[in-house]
Amino acid sequence: MKLSHEKIIKLSHEAISAIMALDEIEIFEEPNTIRQEIVKIVNDLMREEEKVEDGVRNQIASQKRTIPEGSGEWEILHRKYYQDALRKLGVVFTAPPRG
């Protein structure tokens, strides 16, 4: 998922506001410095996500037969390869509890 620069900035403002609202956290750095670090981290994560997406698309394209993008089979492979790639990076998804 691609986030615009404006959305990342908005997220950083919301995150620093939420952090500052917590009584349990004492901030020793300027809020803007923390906000800028949040922007850097989100941008780094977005670059990593793009690499994963490119790798997944290449993996699907390297199949013996052509699998049309958007087809059910393509979607299933994309989801599987994407989750596998994230798992290799240490990102694990758990299903929400039912009930």
N, C-alpha and C. Protein backbone atom coordinates (compact mmCIF):
# COMPACT_ATOMS: atom_id res chain seq x y z
N MET A 1 0.85 -1.17 0.00
CA MET A 1 0.00 0.00 0.00
C MET A 1 0.89 1.23 0.00
N LYS A 2 0.67 2.10 -0.94
CA LYS A 2 1.48 3.31 -1.06
C LYS A 2 0.81 4.44 -0.29
N LEU A 3 1.57 5.09 0.56
CA LEU A 3 1.07 6.25 1.30
C LEU A 3 1.71 7.51 0.73
N SER A 4 0.90 8.54 0.57
CA SER A 4 1.44 9.80 0.09
C SER A 4 2.26 10.46 1.21
N HIS A 5 3.10 11.38 0.80
CA HIS A 5 3.92 12.11 1.77
C HIS A 5 3.03 12.82 2.79
N GLU A 6 1.93 13.37 2.31
CA GLU A 6 1.00 14.09 3.18
C GLU A 6 0.39 13.15 4.22
N LYS A 7 0.05 11.94 3.81
CA LYS A 7 -0.54 10.98 4.75
C LYS A 7 0.49 10.54 5.79
N ILE A 8 1.72 10.38 5.36
CA ILE A 8 2.78 10.00 6.31
C ILE A 8 2.98 11.12 7.34
N ILE A 9 2.98 12.36 6.88
CA ILE A 9 3.13 13.50 7.79
C ILE A 9 1.96 13.53 8.77
N LYS A 10 0.75 13.32 8.26
CA LYS A 10 -0.45 13.32 9.12
C LYS A 10 -0.35 12.19 10.16
N LEU A 11 0.09 11.02 9.73
CA LEU A 11 0.28 9.90 10.66
C LEU A 11 1.29 10.27 11.75
N SER A 12 2.38 10.92 11.36
CA SER A 12 3.40 11.27 12.34
C SER A 12 2.85 12.26 13.37
N HIS A 13 2.03 13.20 12.93
CA HIS A 13 1.42 14.16 13.85
C HIS A 13 0.45 13.44 14.80
N GLU A 14 -0.35 12.52 14.26
CA GLU A 14 -1.28 11.78 15.09
C GLU A 14 -0.55 10.89 16.09
N ALA A 15 0.55 10.27 15.65
CA ALA A 15 1.32 9.40 16.54
C ALA A 15 1.94 10.20 17.68
N ILE A 16 2.54 11.35 17.38
CA ILE A 16 3.18 12.13 18.43
C ILE A 16 2.13 12.69 19.38
N SER A 17 0.96 13.05 18.86
CA SER A 17 -0.13 13.52 19.73
C SER A 17 -0.58 12.42 20.68
N ALA A 18 -0.70 11.21 20.16
CA ALA A 18 -1.11 10.07 21.00
C ALA A 18 -0.05 9.77 22.06
N ILE A 19 1.21 9.83 21.67
CA ILE A 19 2.30 9.58 22.62
C ILE A 19 2.30 10.63 23.73
N MET A 20 2.14 11.88 23.35
CA MET A 20 2.17 12.97 24.32
C MET A 20 0.97 12.92 25.27
N ALA A 21 -0.12 12.32 24.83
CA ALA A 21 -1.33 12.23 25.66
C ALA A 21 -1.20 11.16 26.74
N LEU A 22 -0.22 10.28 26.63
CA LEU A 22 -0.04 9.20 27.60
C LEU A 22 0.69 9.71 28.84
N ASP A 23 0.08 9.50 30.00
CA ASP A 23 0.73 9.90 31.25
C ASP A 23 1.90 9.00 31.59
N GLU A 24 1.87 7.76 31.08
CA GLU A 24 2.89 6.78 31.42
C GLU A 24 4.22 7.03 30.73
N ILE A 25 4.24 7.94 29.76
CA ILE A 25 5.46 8.17 28.98
C ILE A 25 5.97 9.59 29.23
N GLU A 26 7.26 9.66 29.54
CA GLU A 26 7.91 10.95 29.71
C GLU A 26 8.83 11.16 28.52
N ILE A 27 8.67 12.29 27.85
CA ILE A 27 9.43 12.58 26.64
C ILE A 27 10.60 13.50 26.99
N PHE A 28 11.81 13.07 26.58
CA PHE A 28 13.01 13.86 26.85
C PHE A 28 13.53 14.54 25.59
N GLU A 29 12.87 14.31 24.47
CA GLU A 29 13.30 14.85 23.18
C GLU A 29 12.20 15.81 22.70
N GLU A 30 12.56 16.71 21.82
CA GLU A 30 11.58 17.61 21.24
C GLU A 30 10.55 16.79 20.44
N PRO A 31 9.27 17.09 20.58
CA PRO A 31 8.25 16.34 19.84
C PRO A 31 8.49 16.33 18.33
N ASN A 32 8.98 17.44 17.77
CA ASN A 32 9.21 17.48 16.33
C ASN A 32 10.33 16.53 15.92
N THR A 33 11.33 16.36 16.77
CA THR A 33 12.42 15.42 16.49
C THR A 33 11.86 13.99 16.44
N ILE A 34 11.00 13.67 17.39
CA ILE A 34 10.38 12.35 17.42
C ILE A 34 9.49 12.17 16.19
N ARG A 35 8.73 13.20 15.84
CA ARG A 35 7.85 13.13 14.68
C ARG A 35 8.66 12.91 13.40
N GLN A 36 9.78 13.58 13.27
CA GLN A 36 10.63 13.39 12.09
C GLN A 36 11.17 11.96 12.03
N GLU A 37 11.48 11.38 13.18
CA GLU A 37 11.96 10.00 13.21
C GLU A 37 10.84 9.04 12.80
N ILE A 38 9.61 9.35 13.22
CA ILE A 38 8.46 8.54 12.81
C ILE A 38 8.32 8.57 11.29
N VAL A 39 8.46 9.75 10.69
CA VAL A 39 8.37 9.88 9.23
C VAL A 39 9.46 9.04 8.57
N LYS A 40 10.67 9.10 9.09
CA LYS A 40 11.78 8.32 8.53
C LYS A 40 11.48 6.83 8.62
N ILE A 41 11.00 6.37 9.75
CA ILE A 41 10.71 4.94 9.95
C ILE A 41 9.61 4.50 8.99
N VAL A 42 8.55 5.28 8.86
CA VAL A 42 7.45 4.92 7.96
C VAL A 42 7.95 4.88 6.51
N ASN A 43 8.76 5.85 6.12
CA ASN A 43 9.31 5.84 4.76
C ASN A 43 10.19 4.62 4.51
N ASP A 44 11.01 4.26 5.50
CA ASP A 44 11.84 3.06 5.39
C ASP A 44 10.97 1.81 5.24
N LEU A 45 9.93 1.73 6.04
CA LEU A 45 9.01 0.59 5.95
C LEU A 45 8.32 0.53 4.59
N MET A 46 7.96 1.67 4.05
CA MET A 46 7.31 1.71 2.73
C MET A 46 8.27 1.22 1.65
N ARG A 47 9.55 1.58 1.75
CA ARG A 47 10.54 1.10 0.79
C ARG A 47 10.69 -0.42 0.89
N GLU A 48 10.72 -0.94 2.10
CA GLU A 48 10.82 -2.39 2.29
C GLU A 48 9.59 -3.09 1.72
N GLU A 49 8.42 -2.51 1.93
CA GLU A 49 7.19 -3.10 1.41
C GLU A 49 7.21 -3.13 -0.12
N GLU A 50 7.74 -2.09 -0.74
CA GLU A 50 7.86 -2.06 -2.20
C GLU A 50 8.77 -3.16 -2.69
N LYS A 51 9.88 -3.41 -1.98
CA LYS A 51 10.79 -4.50 -2.35
C LYS A 51 10.09 -5.85 -2.26
N VAL A 52 9.31 -6.04 -1.19
CA VAL A 52 8.57 -7.29 -1.03
C VAL A 52 7.57 -7.45 -2.17
N GLU A 53 6.84 -6.39 -2.48
CA GLU A 53 5.85 -6.43 -3.56
C GLU A 53 6.51 -6.76 -4.89
N ASP A 54 7.63 -6.13 -5.19
CA ASP A 54 8.35 -6.41 -6.44
C ASP A 54 8.80 -7.86 -6.49
N GLY A 55 9.32 -8.37 -5.37
CA GLY A 55 9.76 -9.75 -5.32
C GLY A 55 8.61 -10.74 -5.54
N VAL A 56 7.47 -10.45 -4.94
CA VAL A 56 6.29 -11.31 -5.09
C VAL A 56 5.83 -11.31 -6.55
N ARG A 57 5.77 -10.14 -7.15
CA ARG A 57 5.35 -10.05 -8.55
C ARG A 57 6.32 -10.81 -9.47
N ASN A 58 7.61 -10.70 -9.19
CA ASN A 58 8.61 -11.44 -9.98
C ASN A 58 8.45 -12.94 -9.79
N GLN A 59 8.15 -13.35 -8.56
CA GLN A 59 7.96 -14.77 -8.28
C GLN A 59 6.76 -15.32 -9.04
N ILE A 60 5.68 -14.55 -9.10
CA ILE A 60 4.50 -14.98 -9.85
C ILE A 60 4.81 -15.00 -11.34
N ALA A 61 5.52 -13.98 -11.82
CA ALA A 61 5.85 -13.90 -13.25
C ALA A 61 6.79 -15.02 -13.68
N SER A 62 7.54 -15.60 -12.75
CA SER A 62 8.50 -16.64 -13.11
C SER A 62 7.87 -18.04 -13.18
N GLN A 63 6.56 -18.13 -12.98
CA GLN A 63 5.89 -19.43 -13.09
C GLN A 63 6.03 -19.96 -14.52
N LYS A 64 5.94 -21.27 -14.68
CA LYS A 64 6.10 -21.87 -16.01
C LYS A 64 5.06 -21.37 -17.00
N ARG A 65 3.87 -21.12 -16.51
CA ARG A 65 2.84 -20.60 -17.42
C ARG A 65 2.42 -19.21 -16.94
N THR A 66 1.88 -18.45 -17.87
CA THR A 66 1.47 -17.09 -17.54
C THR A 66 0.19 -17.12 -16.70
N ILE A 67 0.24 -16.39 -15.60
CA ILE A 67 -0.92 -16.27 -14.72
C ILE A 67 -1.36 -14.81 -14.79
N PRO A 68 -2.55 -14.56 -15.37
CA PRO A 68 -2.98 -13.17 -15.54
C PRO A 68 -3.20 -12.45 -14.20
N GLU A 69 -2.63 -11.25 -14.11
CA GLU A 69 -2.81 -10.46 -12.90
C GLU A 69 -4.29 -10.15 -12.70
N GLY A 70 -4.74 -10.28 -11.47
CA GLY A 70 -6.13 -10.03 -11.16
C GLY A 70 -6.99 -11.28 -11.17
N SER A 71 -6.47 -12.37 -11.74
CA SER A 71 -7.23 -13.62 -11.75
C SER A 71 -7.24 -14.19 -10.33
N GLY A 72 -8.16 -15.11 -10.08
CA GLY A 72 -8.24 -15.73 -8.78
C GLY A 72 -6.96 -16.42 -8.39
N GLU A 73 -6.36 -17.13 -9.36
CA GLU A 73 -5.10 -17.84 -9.09
C GLU A 73 -3.98 -16.85 -8.75
N TRP A 74 -3.92 -15.73 -9.48
CA TRP A 74 -2.90 -14.72 -9.23
C TRP A 74 -3.08 -14.17 -7.81
N GLU A 75 -4.32 -13.87 -7.44
CA GLU A 75 -4.60 -13.32 -6.11
C GLU A 75 -4.18 -14.29 -5.01
N ILE A 76 -4.47 -15.57 -5.19
CA ILE A 76 -4.10 -16.58 -4.19
C ILE A 76 -2.58 -16.68 -4.07
N LEU A 77 -1.89 -16.75 -5.22
CA LEU A 77 -0.43 -16.82 -5.19
C LEU A 77 0.18 -15.56 -4.57
N HIS A 78 -0.37 -14.41 -4.93
CA HIS A 78 0.14 -13.15 -4.40
C HIS A 78 0.01 -13.13 -2.88
N ARG A 79 -1.15 -13.49 -2.38
CA ARG A 79 -1.36 -13.50 -0.93
C ARG A 79 -0.39 -14.47 -0.24
N LYS A 80 -0.23 -15.67 -0.81
CA LYS A 80 0.65 -16.68 -0.22
C LYS A 80 2.10 -16.22 -0.24
N TYR A 81 2.59 -15.79 -1.41
CA TYR A 81 3.99 -15.36 -1.52
C TYR A 81 4.27 -14.12 -0.66
N TYR A 82 3.30 -13.20 -0.61
CA TYR A 82 3.45 -11.98 0.17
C TYR A 82 3.57 -12.31 1.66
N GLN A 83 2.70 -13.18 2.15
CA GLN A 83 2.77 -13.58 3.56
C GLN A 83 4.06 -14.33 3.85
N ASP A 84 4.49 -15.18 2.92
CA ASP A 84 5.76 -15.89 3.11
C ASP A 84 6.93 -14.92 3.19
N ALA A 85 6.93 -13.92 2.32
CA ALA A 85 8.02 -12.93 2.31
C ALA A 85 8.03 -12.13 3.61
N LEU A 86 6.85 -11.74 4.08
CA LEU A 86 6.79 -10.99 5.33
C LEU A 86 7.21 -11.86 6.51
N ARG A 87 6.83 -13.13 6.49
CA ARG A 87 7.21 -14.05 7.56
C ARG A 87 8.74 -14.16 7.63
N LYS A 88 9.39 -14.19 6.46
CA LYS A 88 10.86 -14.25 6.43
C LYS A 88 11.50 -13.01 7.04
N LEU A 89 10.76 -11.89 6.98
CA LEU A 89 11.25 -10.65 7.58
C LEU A 89 10.89 -10.55 9.07
N GLY A 90 10.15 -11.54 9.57
CA GLY A 90 9.78 -11.54 10.97
C GLY A 90 8.41 -10.97 11.27
N VAL A 91 7.64 -10.67 10.23
CA VAL A 91 6.28 -10.15 10.42
C VAL A 91 5.32 -11.35 10.38
N VAL A 92 4.60 -11.53 11.48
CA VAL A 92 3.70 -12.67 11.57
C VAL A 92 2.29 -12.17 11.79
N PHE A 93 1.37 -12.68 11.00
CA PHE A 93 -0.03 -12.32 11.13
C PHE A 93 -0.75 -13.41 11.90
N THR A 94 -1.60 -13.00 12.80
CA THR A 94 -2.43 -13.96 13.50
C THR A 94 -3.89 -13.63 13.22
N ALA A 95 -4.70 -14.65 13.14
CA ALA A 95 -6.13 -14.44 12.90
C ALA A 95 -6.77 -13.88 14.16
N PRO A 96 -7.70 -12.96 14.02
CA PRO A 96 -8.38 -12.43 15.19
C PRO A 96 -9.23 -13.52 15.84
N PRO A 97 -9.40 -13.48 17.14
CA PRO A 97 -10.20 -14.51 17.80
C PRO A 97 -11.63 -14.48 17.32
N ARG A 98 -12.19 -15.66 17.15
CA ARG A 98 -13.58 -15.76 16.69
C ARG A 98 -14.50 -15.82 17.90
N GLY A 99 -15.67 -15.27 17.67
CA GLY A 99 -16.65 -15.44 18.74
C GLY A 99 -17.22 -14.19 19.14
